[in-house]
Amino acid sequence: MENKRRRVPALAPEERRAALIDATIPLLHEHGLDVSTRQIARAAGVAEGTIFGVFETKTSLVVCSVIKALDPQLTLDALAAIDRSQPLRERLIRAAELIHARFAENAQLMTAARKLLLTGDATGQMLANRQSLQAALTDVITEGADQLRRPPAAVASLLLLFCGANTYGPFGDPDNFSGEETVSLLLDGLLRRGTQ
């Protein structure tokens, strides 16, 4: 039996654009920037030339796909759902777990994003995503901030910095830094209690 490629019905340009982006995202996770337009077309169920009827270049499709894949809304919603009546340490542990998971899931896409020349709207969107994450994390920390030496925004920034370096940096070790360990490092430091 011949394996025929499934063709999708004709779509309006914006729907076709969205379908191509949705088909590209999993391929970027799997292949990074080495994904081909042939692979994208096959995944989307369209002819390869269809891509260029909607996107000027493969790079423009990849940039749009990376931006959509890195949309922080699911993480923002999860951060907003953290029970603010929990103790600060428990809230921070949950927040650290969410941030670690987001960074780990998107590590290959972040590498791809860094390799792309993101200009204009793309750079602005990436900056807006980072600011949204920091604001949501700051909100998690605000209740109980009187226990901290630094303002909530600074603590949020440090947590994001550590999670990012641990995921993307050359000395990162995400398997050994759970949310609890990360928060302990942030709140308690490295000295054993009772030592000078």
N, C-alpha and C. Protein backbone atom coordinates (compact mmCIF):
# COMPACT_ATOMS: atom_id res chain seq x y z
N MET A 1 0.84 -1.18 0.00
CA MET A 1 0.00 0.00 0.00
C MET A 1 0.89 1.24 0.00
N GLU A 2 0.60 2.16 -0.88
CA GLU A 2 1.41 3.36 -1.02
C GLU A 2 1.10 4.33 0.11
N ASN A 3 2.16 4.90 0.71
CA ASN A 3 1.99 5.84 1.80
C ASN A 3 1.87 7.25 1.22
N LYS A 4 0.65 7.75 1.14
CA LYS A 4 0.43 9.08 0.56
C LYS A 4 0.45 10.14 1.64
N ARG A 5 1.00 11.27 1.27
CA ARG A 5 1.04 12.39 2.18
C ARG A 5 -0.37 12.97 2.32
N ARG A 6 -0.76 13.24 3.54
CA ARG A 6 -2.08 13.82 3.80
C ARG A 6 -2.07 15.29 3.40
N ARG A 7 -2.98 15.67 2.56
CA ARG A 7 -3.11 17.07 2.16
C ARG A 7 -4.17 17.74 3.02
N VAL A 8 -3.88 18.94 3.43
CA VAL A 8 -4.86 19.69 4.22
C VAL A 8 -5.72 20.52 3.28
N PRO A 9 -6.93 20.81 3.68
CA PRO A 9 -7.80 21.61 2.82
C PRO A 9 -7.26 23.03 2.66
N ALA A 10 -7.71 23.71 1.64
CA ALA A 10 -7.27 25.08 1.40
C ALA A 10 -7.63 25.96 2.59
N LEU A 11 -6.68 26.78 2.97
CA LEU A 11 -6.86 27.67 4.13
C LEU A 11 -6.63 29.11 3.71
N ALA A 12 -7.22 30.02 4.47
CA ALA A 12 -6.94 31.44 4.28
C ALA A 12 -5.47 31.68 4.63
N PRO A 13 -4.86 32.73 4.08
CA PRO A 13 -3.42 32.98 4.32
C PRO A 13 -3.03 32.99 5.80
N GLU A 14 -3.82 33.61 6.67
CA GLU A 14 -3.46 33.65 8.09
C GLU A 14 -3.57 32.28 8.74
N GLU A 15 -4.58 31.50 8.30
CA GLU A 15 -4.70 30.14 8.81
C GLU A 15 -3.56 29.27 8.31
N ARG A 16 -3.18 29.44 7.05
CA ARG A 16 -2.06 28.68 6.48
C ARG A 16 -0.78 29.04 7.22
N ARG A 17 -0.60 30.33 7.50
CA ARG A 17 0.58 30.81 8.23
C ARG A 17 0.66 30.13 9.61
N ALA A 18 -0.47 30.13 10.32
CA ALA A 18 -0.52 29.52 11.65
C ALA A 18 -0.26 28.01 11.57
N ALA A 19 -0.80 27.35 10.57
CA ALA A 19 -0.60 25.90 10.41
C ALA A 19 0.86 25.58 10.13
N LEU A 20 1.52 26.40 9.32
CA LEU A 20 2.94 26.18 9.03
C LEU A 20 3.79 26.40 10.27
N ILE A 21 3.48 27.41 11.05
CA ILE A 21 4.20 27.67 12.30
C ILE A 21 4.01 26.49 13.25
N ASP A 22 2.76 26.02 13.39
CA ASP A 22 2.49 24.90 14.29
C ASP A 22 3.22 23.63 13.84
N ALA A 23 3.35 23.43 12.54
CA ALA A 23 4.06 22.26 12.03
C ALA A 23 5.57 22.40 12.23
N THR A 24 6.07 23.62 12.23
CA THR A 24 7.51 23.87 12.33
C THR A 24 8.04 23.71 13.76
N ILE A 25 7.25 24.08 14.74
CA ILE A 25 7.73 24.09 16.14
C ILE A 25 8.27 22.73 16.59
N PRO A 26 7.54 21.62 16.43
CA PRO A 26 8.11 20.34 16.87
C PRO A 26 9.38 19.97 16.09
N LEU A 27 9.44 20.37 14.84
CA LEU A 27 10.64 20.08 14.04
C LEU A 27 11.84 20.87 14.54
N LEU A 28 11.61 22.08 15.01
CA LEU A 28 12.70 22.87 15.59
C LEU A 28 13.20 22.23 16.88
N HIS A 29 12.29 21.69 17.68
CA HIS A 29 12.71 20.98 18.89
C HIS A 29 13.58 19.79 18.53
N GLU A 30 13.23 19.11 17.44
CA GLU A 30 13.93 17.90 17.05
C GLU A 30 15.23 18.17 16.27
N HIS A 31 15.18 19.13 15.33
CA HIS A 31 16.30 19.33 14.41
C HIS A 31 17.00 20.67 14.57
N GLY A 32 16.45 21.57 15.38
CA GLY A 32 17.03 22.91 15.48
C GLY A 32 16.92 23.63 14.15
N LEU A 33 17.90 24.48 13.85
CA LEU A 33 17.86 25.26 12.62
C LEU A 33 18.14 24.43 11.37
N ASP A 34 18.52 23.18 11.55
CA ASP A 34 18.79 22.32 10.40
C ASP A 34 17.51 21.77 9.76
N VAL A 35 16.36 22.11 10.31
CA VAL A 35 15.10 21.66 9.73
C VAL A 35 15.01 22.17 8.29
N SER A 36 14.50 21.34 7.41
CA SER A 36 14.40 21.74 6.00
C SER A 36 12.97 22.14 5.67
N THR A 37 12.83 22.90 4.59
CA THR A 37 11.49 23.26 4.14
C THR A 37 10.75 22.01 3.67
N ARG A 38 11.44 21.03 3.20
CA ARG A 38 10.80 19.77 2.81
C ARG A 38 10.17 19.09 4.03
N GLN A 39 10.91 19.05 5.15
CA GLN A 39 10.37 18.46 6.38
C GLN A 39 9.16 19.25 6.87
N ILE A 40 9.26 20.56 6.80
CA ILE A 40 8.15 21.41 7.25
C ILE A 40 6.92 21.16 6.38
N ALA A 41 7.11 21.15 5.07
CA ALA A 41 5.99 20.94 4.15
C ALA A 41 5.35 19.58 4.42
N ARG A 42 6.15 18.56 4.60
CA ARG A 42 5.61 17.22 4.86
C ARG A 42 4.79 17.22 6.16
N ALA A 43 5.34 17.82 7.20
CA ALA A 43 4.64 17.86 8.49
C ALA A 43 3.33 18.65 8.40
N ALA A 44 3.33 19.69 7.57
CA ALA A 44 2.13 20.53 7.41
C ALA A 44 1.16 19.96 6.40
N GLY A 45 1.60 18.95 5.61
CA GLY A 45 0.74 18.36 4.60
C GLY A 45 0.51 19.27 3.40
N VAL A 46 1.55 20.01 3.03
CA VAL A 46 1.44 20.94 1.90
C VAL A 46 2.63 20.74 0.97
N ALA A 47 2.53 21.31 -0.21
CA ALA A 47 3.67 21.32 -1.12
C ALA A 47 4.70 22.31 -0.60
N GLU A 48 5.97 22.01 -0.86
CA GLU A 48 7.05 22.86 -0.36
C GLU A 48 6.89 24.31 -0.80
N GLY A 49 6.44 24.53 -2.02
CA GLY A 49 6.27 25.89 -2.53
C GLY A 49 5.22 26.69 -1.77
N THR A 50 4.29 25.99 -1.11
CA THR A 50 3.25 26.68 -0.33
C THR A 50 3.86 27.55 0.76
N ILE A 51 4.97 27.07 1.32
CA ILE A 51 5.63 27.83 2.39
C ILE A 51 5.98 29.23 1.90
N PHE A 52 6.48 29.30 0.68
CA PHE A 52 6.96 30.59 0.17
C PHE A 52 5.83 31.46 -0.38
N GLY A 53 4.63 30.91 -0.41
CA GLY A 53 3.46 31.73 -0.71
C GLY A 53 2.99 32.49 0.52
N VAL A 54 3.45 32.04 1.68
CA VAL A 54 3.02 32.66 2.94
C VAL A 54 4.18 33.38 3.63
N PHE A 55 5.37 32.79 3.55
CA PHE A 55 6.56 33.37 4.18
C PHE A 55 7.57 33.71 3.09
N GLU A 56 8.21 34.84 3.24
CA GLU A 56 9.18 35.29 2.24
C GLU A 56 10.38 34.33 2.16
N THR A 57 10.82 33.87 3.34
CA THR A 57 11.99 32.98 3.41
C THR A 57 11.76 31.92 4.48
N LYS A 58 12.58 30.88 4.44
CA LYS A 58 12.56 29.87 5.50
C LYS A 58 12.88 30.54 6.84
N THR A 59 13.84 31.45 6.83
CA THR A 59 14.24 32.12 8.07
C THR A 59 13.07 32.87 8.69
N SER A 60 12.25 33.53 7.88
CA SER A 60 11.11 34.26 8.45
C SER A 60 10.12 33.29 9.09
N LEU A 61 9.92 32.12 8.49
CA LEU A 61 9.06 31.10 9.09
C LEU A 61 9.66 30.60 10.40
N VAL A 62 10.96 30.34 10.41
CA VAL A 62 11.62 29.84 11.61
C VAL A 62 11.56 30.89 12.73
N VAL A 63 11.79 32.15 12.41
CA VAL A 63 11.74 33.21 13.42
C VAL A 63 10.34 33.27 14.04
N CYS A 64 9.31 33.27 13.19
CA CYS A 64 7.93 33.31 13.70
C CYS A 64 7.63 32.09 14.56
N SER A 65 8.15 30.94 14.17
CA SER A 65 7.92 29.70 14.92
C SER A 65 8.62 29.73 16.27
N VAL A 66 9.85 30.22 16.29
CA VAL A 66 10.59 30.31 17.55
C VAL A 66 9.87 31.26 18.51
N ILE A 67 9.42 32.40 17.99
CA ILE A 67 8.71 33.37 18.84
C ILE A 67 7.46 32.74 19.44
N LYS A 68 6.69 32.03 18.61
CA LYS A 68 5.47 31.40 19.14
C LYS A 68 5.82 30.32 20.15
N ALA A 69 6.82 29.50 19.84
CA ALA A 69 7.20 28.40 20.75
C ALA A 69 7.70 28.93 22.09
N LEU A 70 8.31 30.09 22.08
CA LEU A 70 8.85 30.66 23.32
C LEU A 70 7.86 31.57 24.04
N ASP A 71 6.62 31.60 23.57
CA ASP A 71 5.59 32.39 24.24
C ASP A 71 5.47 31.90 25.69
N PRO A 72 5.60 32.80 26.65
CA PRO A 72 5.65 32.36 28.05
C PRO A 72 4.28 32.19 28.72
N GLN A 73 3.18 32.31 27.97
CA GLN A 73 1.86 32.38 28.61
C GLN A 73 1.56 31.19 29.53
N LEU A 74 1.87 29.98 29.13
CA LEU A 74 1.59 28.82 30.00
C LEU A 74 2.34 28.93 31.32
N THR A 75 3.59 29.36 31.25
CA THR A 75 4.38 29.53 32.48
C THR A 75 3.83 30.69 33.31
N LEU A 76 3.44 31.77 32.65
CA LEU A 76 2.86 32.91 33.37
C LEU A 76 1.59 32.49 34.10
N ASP A 77 0.75 31.70 33.42
CA ASP A 77 -0.48 31.22 34.05
C ASP A 77 -0.17 30.33 35.25
N ALA A 78 0.82 29.47 35.11
CA ALA A 78 1.19 28.58 36.21
C ALA A 78 1.76 29.37 37.39
N LEU A 79 2.55 30.39 37.10
CA LEU A 79 3.07 31.25 38.18
C LEU A 79 1.93 31.99 38.87
N ALA A 80 0.98 32.47 38.10
CA ALA A 80 -0.16 33.19 38.67
C ALA A 80 -1.01 32.28 39.55
N ALA A 81 -1.02 30.98 39.26
CA ALA A 81 -1.84 30.02 40.00
C ALA A 81 -1.20 29.58 41.32
N ILE A 82 0.04 29.97 41.58
CA ILE A 82 0.69 29.60 42.84
C ILE A 82 -0.06 30.26 43.99
N ASP A 83 -0.41 29.46 44.97
CA ASP A 83 -1.17 29.93 46.13
C ASP A 83 -0.33 30.91 46.95
N ARG A 84 -0.76 32.16 46.96
CA ARG A 84 0.00 33.21 47.66
C ARG A 84 -0.06 33.07 49.17
N SER A 85 -0.93 32.21 49.68
CA SER A 85 -1.00 32.02 51.13
C SER A 85 0.06 31.03 51.62
N GLN A 86 0.72 30.33 50.70
CA GLN A 86 1.80 29.42 51.10
C GLN A 86 3.00 30.24 51.58
N PRO A 87 3.85 29.61 52.40
CA PRO A 87 5.07 30.31 52.83
C PRO A 87 5.93 30.67 51.62
N LEU A 88 6.70 31.73 51.77
CA LEU A 88 7.55 32.22 50.69
C LEU A 88 8.44 31.12 50.11
N ARG A 89 9.07 30.34 50.94
CA ARG A 89 9.96 29.27 50.46
C ARG A 89 9.20 28.29 49.57
N GLU A 90 8.01 27.89 49.96
CA GLU A 90 7.22 26.94 49.16
C GLU A 90 6.82 27.56 47.82
N ARG A 91 6.44 28.82 47.85
CA ARG A 91 6.09 29.51 46.60
C ARG A 91 7.29 29.60 45.67
N LEU A 92 8.45 29.91 46.24
CA LEU A 92 9.66 30.03 45.43
C LEU A 92 10.09 28.67 44.86
N ILE A 93 9.94 27.61 45.64
CA ILE A 93 10.28 26.28 45.12
C ILE A 93 9.41 25.95 43.92
N ARG A 94 8.11 26.18 44.03
CA ARG A 94 7.21 25.89 42.90
C ARG A 94 7.58 26.77 41.70
N ALA A 95 7.87 28.04 41.95
CA ALA A 95 8.24 28.94 40.86
C ALA A 95 9.54 28.48 40.20
N ALA A 96 10.52 28.08 40.99
CA ALA A 96 11.79 27.60 40.44
C ALA A 96 11.57 26.36 39.59
N GLU A 97 10.71 25.45 40.04
CA GLU A 97 10.41 24.25 39.26
C GLU A 97 9.80 24.62 37.91
N LEU A 98 8.90 25.58 37.91
CA LEU A 98 8.26 26.02 36.66
C LEU A 98 9.27 26.66 35.71
N ILE A 99 10.13 27.51 36.25
CA ILE A 99 11.13 28.19 35.42
C ILE A 99 12.13 27.18 34.87
N HIS A 100 12.61 26.27 35.72
CA HIS A 100 13.53 25.22 35.27
C HIS A 100 12.90 24.40 34.14
N ALA A 101 11.64 24.01 34.33
CA ALA A 101 10.96 23.19 33.32
C ALA A 101 10.84 23.95 32.01
N ARG A 102 10.48 25.22 32.08
CA ARG A 102 10.36 26.04 30.86
C ARG A 102 11.70 26.13 30.14
N PHE A 103 12.75 26.43 30.88
CA PHE A 103 14.06 26.58 30.26
C PHE A 103 14.54 25.25 29.67
N ALA A 104 14.36 24.15 30.40
CA ALA A 104 14.80 22.85 29.90
C ALA A 104 14.04 22.46 28.64
N GLU A 105 12.74 22.69 28.64
CA GLU A 105 11.92 22.34 27.48
C GLU A 105 12.33 23.12 26.24
N ASN A 106 12.74 24.35 26.45
CA ASN A 106 13.02 25.23 25.32
C ASN A 106 14.51 25.45 25.06
N ALA A 107 15.37 24.63 25.64
CA ALA A 107 16.81 24.84 25.51
C ALA A 107 17.25 24.86 24.05
N GLN A 108 16.81 23.90 23.26
CA GLN A 108 17.22 23.86 21.86
C GLN A 108 16.67 25.06 21.09
N LEU A 109 15.45 25.47 21.41
CA LEU A 109 14.88 26.63 20.73
C LEU A 109 15.62 27.91 21.10
N MET A 110 16.05 28.02 22.35
CA MET A 110 16.81 29.20 22.76
C MET A 110 18.14 29.25 22.02
N THR A 111 18.76 28.10 21.84
CA THR A 111 20.00 28.04 21.08
C THR A 111 19.74 28.50 19.64
N ALA A 112 18.65 28.02 19.07
CA ALA A 112 18.28 28.42 17.71
C ALA A 112 18.02 29.92 17.66
N ALA A 113 17.32 30.44 18.66
CA ALA A 113 17.00 31.86 18.68
C ALA A 113 18.27 32.71 18.72
N ARG A 114 19.25 32.26 19.48
CA ARG A 114 20.51 33.00 19.56
C ARG A 114 21.25 33.00 18.23
N LYS A 115 21.11 31.91 17.48
CA LYS A 115 21.80 31.82 16.20
C LYS A 115 21.13 32.67 15.12
N LEU A 116 19.83 32.87 15.27
CA LEU A 116 19.10 33.67 14.29
C LEU A 116 19.38 35.15 14.53
N LEU A 117 19.37 35.89 13.49
CA LEU A 117 19.48 37.34 13.63
C LEU A 117 18.08 37.87 13.87
N LEU A 118 17.74 38.01 15.14
CA LEU A 118 16.40 38.47 15.48
C LEU A 118 16.40 39.99 15.57
N THR A 119 15.65 40.61 14.70
CA THR A 119 15.60 42.07 14.70
C THR A 119 14.15 42.53 14.77
N GLY A 120 13.97 43.80 15.02
CA GLY A 120 12.64 44.40 14.98
C GLY A 120 11.67 43.74 15.95
N ASP A 121 10.54 43.28 15.41
CA ASP A 121 9.49 42.70 16.24
C ASP A 121 9.97 41.48 17.00
N ALA A 122 10.83 40.69 16.40
CA ALA A 122 11.30 39.46 17.05
C ALA A 122 12.08 39.79 18.32
N THR A 123 13.02 40.72 18.22
CA THR A 123 13.80 41.10 19.39
C THR A 123 12.90 41.70 20.45
N GLY A 124 11.99 42.55 20.02
CA GLY A 124 11.05 43.17 20.95
C GLY A 124 10.19 42.14 21.67
N GLN A 125 9.73 41.12 20.93
CA GLN A 125 8.90 40.08 21.54
C GLN A 125 9.69 39.26 22.54
N MET A 126 10.93 38.93 22.21
CA MET A 126 11.77 38.15 23.14
C MET A 126 12.00 38.95 24.44
N LEU A 127 12.25 40.24 24.31
CA LEU A 127 12.44 41.09 25.48
C LEU A 127 11.15 41.16 26.29
N ALA A 128 10.02 41.31 25.62
CA ALA A 128 8.72 41.35 26.31
C ALA A 128 8.46 40.05 27.05
N ASN A 129 8.83 38.91 26.46
CA ASN A 129 8.66 37.62 27.13
C ASN A 129 9.48 37.57 28.42
N ARG A 130 10.73 38.01 28.35
CA ARG A 130 11.59 38.01 29.55
C ARG A 130 11.01 38.92 30.63
N GLN A 131 10.54 40.08 30.22
CA GLN A 131 9.97 41.02 31.19
C GLN A 131 8.70 40.46 31.82
N SER A 132 7.88 39.76 31.03
CA SER A 132 6.66 39.15 31.56
C SER A 132 6.99 38.08 32.59
N LEU A 133 7.99 37.25 32.29
CA LEU A 133 8.39 36.22 33.25
C LEU A 133 8.90 36.84 34.54
N GLN A 134 9.73 37.88 34.42
CA GLN A 134 10.27 38.50 35.63
C GLN A 134 9.15 39.15 36.45
N ALA A 135 8.20 39.81 35.78
CA ALA A 135 7.09 40.43 36.50
C ALA A 135 6.23 39.39 37.22
N ALA A 136 5.95 38.27 36.55
CA ALA A 136 5.14 37.21 37.16
C ALA A 136 5.86 36.60 38.35
N LEU A 137 7.15 36.39 38.22
CA LEU A 137 7.94 35.83 39.31
C LEU A 137 8.03 36.83 40.47
N THR A 138 8.18 38.10 40.17
CA THR A 138 8.21 39.13 41.20
C THR A 138 6.91 39.12 42.00
N ASP A 139 5.80 38.93 41.29
CA ASP A 139 4.49 38.89 41.96
C ASP A 139 4.41 37.71 42.93
N VAL A 140 4.99 36.58 42.55
CA VAL A 140 5.01 35.40 43.43
C VAL A 140 5.78 35.72 44.71
N ILE A 141 6.81 36.54 44.61
CA ILE A 141 7.72 36.82 45.73
C ILE A 141 7.25 37.97 46.61
N THR A 142 6.40 38.83 46.09
CA THR A 142 6.04 40.07 46.79
C THR A 142 5.50 39.83 48.19
N GLU A 143 4.57 38.89 48.33
CA GLU A 143 4.04 38.56 49.66
C GLU A 143 5.15 37.89 50.46
N GLY A 144 5.54 38.49 51.56
CA GLY A 144 6.62 37.95 52.38
C GLY A 144 7.98 38.53 52.03
N ALA A 145 7.99 39.55 51.18
CA ALA A 145 9.25 40.16 50.76
C ALA A 145 10.00 40.82 51.91
N ASP A 146 9.29 41.09 53.01
CA ASP A 146 9.96 41.68 54.17
C ASP A 146 10.98 40.72 54.79
N GLN A 147 10.94 39.44 54.40
CA GLN A 147 11.90 38.44 54.90
C GLN A 147 13.22 38.47 54.11
N LEU A 148 13.24 39.22 53.02
CA LEU A 148 14.38 39.18 52.10
C LEU A 148 15.26 40.42 52.23
N ARG A 149 16.56 40.25 51.98
CA ARG A 149 17.50 41.37 51.99
C ARG A 149 17.39 42.21 50.72
N ARG A 150 16.89 41.62 49.65
CA ARG A 150 16.81 42.29 48.36
C ARG A 150 15.35 42.45 47.97
N PRO A 151 15.03 43.44 47.13
CA PRO A 151 13.64 43.63 46.68
C PRO A 151 13.17 42.44 45.84
N PRO A 152 11.87 42.20 45.79
CA PRO A 152 11.33 41.06 45.03
C PRO A 152 11.81 41.01 43.58
N ALA A 153 11.89 42.14 42.91
CA ALA A 153 12.33 42.14 41.51
C ALA A 153 13.78 41.66 41.38
N ALA A 154 14.62 42.02 42.35
CA ALA A 154 16.01 41.57 42.33
C ALA A 154 16.11 40.08 42.60
N VAL A 155 15.29 39.57 43.50
CA VAL A 155 15.28 38.13 43.80
C VAL A 155 14.78 37.37 42.57
N ALA A 156 13.73 37.90 41.92
CA ALA A 156 13.21 37.27 40.70
C ALA A 156 14.30 37.23 39.63
N SER A 157 15.02 38.31 39.49
CA SER A 157 16.10 38.38 38.51
C SER A 157 17.19 37.35 38.81
N LEU A 158 17.57 37.21 40.08
CA LEU A 158 18.58 36.23 40.47
C LEU A 158 18.11 34.80 40.20
N LEU A 159 16.85 34.52 40.49
CA LEU A 159 16.32 33.18 40.24
C LEU A 159 16.33 32.86 38.74
N LEU A 160 15.90 33.82 37.92
CA LEU A 160 15.91 33.62 36.47
C LEU A 160 17.34 33.46 35.96
N LEU A 161 18.25 34.25 36.50
CA LEU A 161 19.65 34.16 36.10
C LEU A 161 20.22 32.79 36.42
N PHE A 162 19.97 32.30 37.63
CA PHE A 162 20.50 30.99 38.01
C PHE A 162 19.87 29.89 37.15
N CYS A 163 18.55 29.93 37.00
CA CYS A 163 17.88 28.89 36.19
C CYS A 163 18.39 28.91 34.75
N GLY A 164 18.58 30.10 34.20
CA GLY A 164 19.09 30.20 32.83
C GLY A 164 20.51 29.68 32.71
N ALA A 165 21.37 30.09 33.63
CA ALA A 165 22.76 29.63 33.59
C ALA A 165 22.85 28.13 33.83
N ASN A 166 21.99 27.62 34.70
CA ASN A 166 22.01 26.19 34.98
C ASN A 166 21.52 25.37 33.78
N THR A 167 20.63 25.95 32.99
CA THR A 167 20.10 25.24 31.82
C THR A 167 21.01 25.40 30.61
N TYR A 168 21.46 26.63 30.36
CA TYR A 168 22.17 26.92 29.12
C TYR A 168 23.68 27.06 29.27
N GLY A 169 24.15 27.28 30.49
CA GLY A 169 25.57 27.55 30.69
C GLY A 169 26.44 26.31 30.61
N PRO A 170 27.74 26.50 30.39
CA PRO A 170 28.64 25.35 30.23
C PRO A 170 28.83 24.55 31.52
N PHE A 171 28.52 25.14 32.68
CA PHE A 171 28.70 24.43 33.95
C PHE A 171 27.36 24.03 34.56
N GLY A 172 26.29 24.18 33.80
CA GLY A 172 24.96 23.85 34.30
C GLY A 172 24.81 22.37 34.60
N ASP A 173 23.95 22.09 35.56
CA ASP A 173 23.67 20.70 35.94
C ASP A 173 22.22 20.63 36.42
N PRO A 174 21.27 20.75 35.47
CA PRO A 174 19.85 20.80 35.85
C PRO A 174 19.38 19.60 36.66
N ASP A 175 19.98 18.44 36.47
CA ASP A 175 19.54 17.25 37.20
C ASP A 175 19.84 17.34 38.69
N ASN A 176 20.84 18.11 39.07
CA ASN A 176 21.22 18.21 40.48
C ASN A 176 20.69 19.46 41.16
N PHE A 177 19.94 20.27 40.45
CA PHE A 177 19.39 21.46 41.06
C PHE A 177 17.88 21.46 40.90
N SER A 178 17.21 20.79 41.83
CA SER A 178 15.76 20.79 41.86
C SER A 178 15.30 22.19 42.26
N GLY A 179 14.00 22.41 42.21
CA GLY A 179 13.47 23.69 42.68
C GLY A 179 13.83 23.94 44.12
N GLU A 180 13.76 22.89 44.94
CA GLU A 180 14.08 23.04 46.36
C GLU A 180 15.55 23.41 46.57
N GLU A 181 16.45 22.75 45.85
CA GLU A 181 17.88 23.03 45.98
C GLU A 181 18.19 24.44 45.48
N THR A 182 17.58 24.83 44.39
CA THR A 182 17.80 26.17 43.85
C THR A 182 17.37 27.23 44.85
N VAL A 183 16.20 27.05 45.43
CA VAL A 183 15.68 28.03 46.39
C VAL A 183 16.52 28.02 47.66
N SER A 184 16.98 26.86 48.11
CA SER A 184 17.85 26.81 49.27
C SER A 184 19.13 27.60 49.01
N LEU A 185 19.69 27.41 47.82
CA LEU A 185 20.90 28.16 47.46
C LEU A 185 20.63 29.65 47.47
N LEU A 186 19.49 30.05 46.93
CA LEU A 186 19.13 31.46 46.84
C LEU A 186 18.84 32.06 48.21
N LEU A 187 18.07 31.36 49.03
CA LEU A 187 17.65 31.92 50.31
C LEU A 187 18.66 31.68 51.44
N ASP A 188 19.30 30.51 51.43
CA ASP A 188 20.17 30.14 52.54
C ASP A 188 21.65 30.29 52.25
N GLY A 189 22.02 30.40 50.99
CA GLY A 189 23.42 30.48 50.63
C GLY A 189 24.09 29.12 50.74
N LEU A 190 25.38 29.11 50.83
CA LEU A 190 26.15 27.87 50.82
C LEU A 190 26.74 27.49 52.17
N LEU A 191 26.73 28.40 53.12
CA LEU A 191 27.30 28.08 54.43
C LEU A 191 26.37 27.19 55.22
N ARG A 192 26.93 26.24 55.95
CA ARG A 192 26.13 25.42 56.86
C ARG A 192 25.70 26.33 58.01
N ARG A 193 24.55 26.06 58.54
CA ARG A 193 24.05 26.88 59.66
C ARG A 193 24.99 26.75 60.85
N GLY A 194 25.26 27.87 61.51
CA GLY A 194 26.12 27.85 62.70
C GLY A 194 27.59 27.99 62.37
N THR A 195 27.97 28.13 61.07
CA THR A 195 29.38 28.32 60.73
C THR A 195 29.60 29.79 60.39
N GLN A 196 30.83 30.19 60.46
CA GLN A 196 31.17 31.59 60.17
C GLN A 196 31.81 31.71 58.81
